Amino acid sequence: MKHGGSIGTALLMSALLIALPGCQKQEGPAEQAGKEMDKAVEKAGQQIEKAGGAIQDAAKGDKQ
C-alpha cells in the first residue's frame, strides 16, 4: 500500500512541474524595449567611465 501513495505523489509532483512553465508571464513589447534601453544606458555609462579615466590619465601626464 505504501508504494501506491509514493507513486501517486510522484505523479502529482510531475504534473505540477510540467504545468509550471505554462504559468509564466510572457514579455510584452514594452518590457522588451525597456530591457534594451537598460542595456544601452549601461553601455553608455561604461563608455563615459572609460572617457573619464582617459581624461584623468591625460591630466596626470600634463602635471608631470
N, C-alpha and C. Protein backbone atom coordinates (compact mmCIF):
# COMPACT_ATOMS: atom_id res chain seq x y z
N MET A 1 0.81 -1.20 0.00
CA MET A 1 0.00 0.00 0.00
C MET A 1 0.85 1.26 0.00
N LYS A 2 2.02 1.21 0.61
CA LYS A 2 2.86 2.40 0.67
C LYS A 2 3.35 2.80 -0.72
N HIS A 3 3.53 1.85 -1.60
CA HIS A 3 4.01 2.15 -2.95
C HIS A 3 2.98 2.96 -3.73
N GLY A 4 1.73 2.68 -3.51
CA GLY A 4 0.66 3.41 -4.22
C GLY A 4 0.67 4.88 -3.86
N GLY A 5 0.89 5.19 -2.61
CA GLY A 5 0.96 6.58 -2.18
C GLY A 5 2.17 7.28 -2.75
N SER A 6 3.28 6.58 -2.79
CA SER A 6 4.51 7.16 -3.33
C SER A 6 4.38 7.43 -4.83
N ILE A 7 3.78 6.49 -5.53
CA ILE A 7 3.58 6.65 -6.97
C ILE A 7 2.63 7.81 -7.24
N GLY A 8 1.58 7.89 -6.46
CA GLY A 8 0.61 8.99 -6.63
C GLY A 8 1.26 10.34 -6.37
N THR A 9 2.08 10.40 -5.33
CA THR A 9 2.77 11.64 -5.01
C THR A 9 3.73 12.01 -6.13
N ALA A 10 4.45 11.03 -6.65
CA ALA A 10 5.39 11.28 -7.74
C ALA A 10 4.65 11.77 -8.98
N LEU A 11 3.52 11.18 -9.29
CA LEU A 11 2.74 11.62 -10.45
C LEU A 11 2.22 13.05 -10.27
N LEU A 12 1.76 13.36 -9.07
CA LEU A 12 1.27 14.70 -8.79
C LEU A 12 2.38 15.73 -8.93
N MET A 13 3.55 15.43 -8.39
CA MET A 13 4.69 16.35 -8.48
C MET A 13 5.11 16.53 -9.94
N SER A 14 5.11 15.45 -10.71
CA SER A 14 5.47 15.54 -12.12
C SER A 14 4.49 16.42 -12.87
N ALA A 15 3.21 16.26 -12.60
CA ALA A 15 2.19 17.07 -13.27
C ALA A 15 2.36 18.55 -12.93
N LEU A 16 2.66 18.85 -11.68
CA LEU A 16 2.86 20.24 -11.28
C LEU A 16 4.10 20.84 -11.94
N LEU A 17 5.16 20.07 -12.03
CA LEU A 17 6.38 20.56 -12.66
C LEU A 17 6.20 20.78 -14.15
N ILE A 18 5.38 19.98 -14.79
CA ILE A 18 5.12 20.14 -16.21
C ILE A 18 4.23 21.37 -16.45
N ALA A 19 3.27 21.62 -15.57
CA ALA A 19 2.34 22.73 -15.75
C ALA A 19 2.95 24.07 -15.37
N LEU A 20 3.96 24.09 -14.54
CA LEU A 20 4.54 25.34 -14.04
C LEU A 20 5.02 26.29 -15.14
N PRO A 21 5.77 25.84 -16.15
CA PRO A 21 6.23 26.78 -17.18
C PRO A 21 5.08 27.45 -17.93
N GLY A 22 3.95 26.82 -18.03
CA GLY A 22 2.81 27.40 -18.71
C GLY A 22 2.23 28.59 -17.99
N CYS A 23 2.54 28.76 -16.72
CA CYS A 23 2.00 29.86 -15.92
C CYS A 23 2.86 31.11 -15.99
N GLN A 24 4.03 31.01 -16.57
CA GLN A 24 4.92 32.15 -16.61
C GLN A 24 4.38 33.22 -17.55
N LYS A 25 4.55 34.47 -17.15
CA LYS A 25 4.06 35.61 -17.91
C LYS A 25 4.97 35.86 -19.11
N GLN A 26 4.37 36.08 -20.26
CA GLN A 26 5.14 36.40 -21.46
C GLN A 26 5.49 37.88 -21.45
N GLU A 27 6.69 38.21 -21.95
CA GLU A 27 7.12 39.60 -22.02
C GLU A 27 6.41 40.29 -23.17
N GLY A 28 5.96 41.48 -22.91
CA GLY A 28 5.34 42.28 -23.96
C GLY A 28 6.38 43.15 -24.64
N PRO A 29 5.98 43.86 -25.69
CA PRO A 29 6.93 44.70 -26.42
C PRO A 29 7.49 45.85 -25.57
N ALA A 30 6.70 46.37 -24.65
CA ALA A 30 7.19 47.46 -23.81
C ALA A 30 8.28 46.97 -22.86
N GLU A 31 8.09 45.78 -22.32
CA GLU A 31 9.10 45.24 -21.41
C GLU A 31 10.39 44.93 -22.16
N GLN A 32 10.27 44.39 -23.36
CA GLN A 32 11.45 44.11 -24.17
C GLN A 32 12.18 45.41 -24.52
N ALA A 33 11.43 46.46 -24.87
CA ALA A 33 12.05 47.75 -25.19
C ALA A 33 12.74 48.32 -23.97
N GLY A 34 12.13 48.16 -22.80
CA GLY A 34 12.75 48.64 -21.57
C GLY A 34 14.06 47.95 -21.28
N LYS A 35 14.10 46.66 -21.52
CA LYS A 35 15.35 45.91 -21.31
C LYS A 35 16.43 46.38 -22.27
N GLU A 36 16.05 46.63 -23.52
CA GLU A 36 17.02 47.12 -24.50
C GLU A 36 17.54 48.50 -24.10
N MET A 37 16.65 49.34 -23.58
CA MET A 37 17.08 50.67 -23.12
C MET A 37 18.04 50.54 -21.94
N ASP A 38 17.75 49.61 -21.03
CA ASP A 38 18.65 49.40 -19.89
C ASP A 38 20.04 49.01 -20.36
N LYS A 39 20.10 48.13 -21.35
CA LYS A 39 21.39 47.70 -21.89
C LYS A 39 22.13 48.89 -22.52
N ALA A 40 21.39 49.71 -23.28
CA ALA A 40 22.02 50.86 -23.94
C ALA A 40 22.55 51.85 -22.91
N VAL A 41 21.78 52.12 -21.87
CA VAL A 41 22.21 53.05 -20.82
C VAL A 41 23.45 52.50 -20.10
N GLU A 42 23.45 51.21 -19.86
CA GLU A 42 24.60 50.60 -19.19
C GLU A 42 25.86 50.72 -20.05
N LYS A 43 25.73 50.47 -21.36
CA LYS A 43 26.87 50.61 -22.26
C LYS A 43 27.36 52.05 -22.30
N ALA A 44 26.43 53.00 -22.35
CA ALA A 44 26.81 54.41 -22.37
C ALA A 44 27.54 54.78 -21.09
N GLY A 45 27.07 54.28 -19.96
CA GLY A 45 27.73 54.54 -18.69
C GLY A 45 29.15 54.01 -18.67
N GLN A 46 29.34 52.83 -19.24
CA GLN A 46 30.68 52.26 -19.29
C GLN A 46 31.60 53.11 -20.16
N GLN A 47 31.08 53.60 -21.28
CA GLN A 47 31.88 54.44 -22.17
C GLN A 47 32.24 55.76 -21.49
N ILE A 48 31.31 56.32 -20.73
CA ILE A 48 31.58 57.57 -20.01
C ILE A 48 32.66 57.34 -18.96
N GLU A 49 32.60 56.22 -18.26
CA GLU A 49 33.64 55.90 -17.27
C GLU A 49 35.00 55.76 -17.94
N LYS A 50 35.03 55.11 -19.11
CA LYS A 50 36.28 54.96 -19.85
C LYS A 50 36.85 56.33 -20.23
N ALA A 51 35.97 57.19 -20.74
CA ALA A 51 36.40 58.53 -21.15
C ALA A 51 36.91 59.32 -19.95
N GLY A 52 36.23 59.20 -18.82
CA GLY A 52 36.67 59.88 -17.60
C GLY A 52 38.04 59.40 -17.17
N GLY A 53 38.26 58.10 -17.26
CA GLY A 53 39.58 57.56 -16.91
C GLY A 53 40.66 58.07 -17.84
N ALA A 54 40.34 58.16 -19.13
CA ALA A 54 41.32 58.66 -20.10
C ALA A 54 41.64 60.13 -19.83
N ILE A 55 40.63 60.90 -19.46
CA ILE A 55 40.85 62.32 -19.15
C ILE A 55 41.72 62.46 -17.91
N GLN A 56 41.47 61.64 -16.90
CA GLN A 56 42.28 61.69 -15.69
C GLN A 56 43.72 61.30 -15.99
N ASP A 57 43.90 60.27 -16.80
CA ASP A 57 45.25 59.85 -17.16
C ASP A 57 45.97 60.96 -17.92
N ALA A 58 45.25 61.62 -18.82
CA ALA A 58 45.86 62.70 -19.61
C ALA A 58 46.22 63.86 -18.69
N ALA A 59 45.36 64.16 -17.72
CA ALA A 59 45.63 65.26 -16.78
C ALA A 59 46.84 64.95 -15.92
N LYS A 60 46.99 63.71 -15.51
CA LYS A 60 48.16 63.33 -14.70
C LYS A 60 49.43 63.46 -15.51
N GLY A 61 49.35 63.15 -16.79
CA GLY A 61 50.53 63.26 -17.66
C GLY A 61 50.95 64.71 -17.86
N ASP A 62 49.99 65.63 -17.89
CA ASP A 62 50.32 67.05 -18.05
C ASP A 62 50.99 67.63 -16.82
N LYS A 63 50.66 67.11 -15.64
CA LYS A 63 51.21 67.64 -14.41
C LYS A 63 52.65 67.23 -14.21
N GLN A 64 53.07 66.14 -14.78
CA GLN A 64 54.43 65.63 -14.55
C GLN A 64 55.41 66.26 -15.44
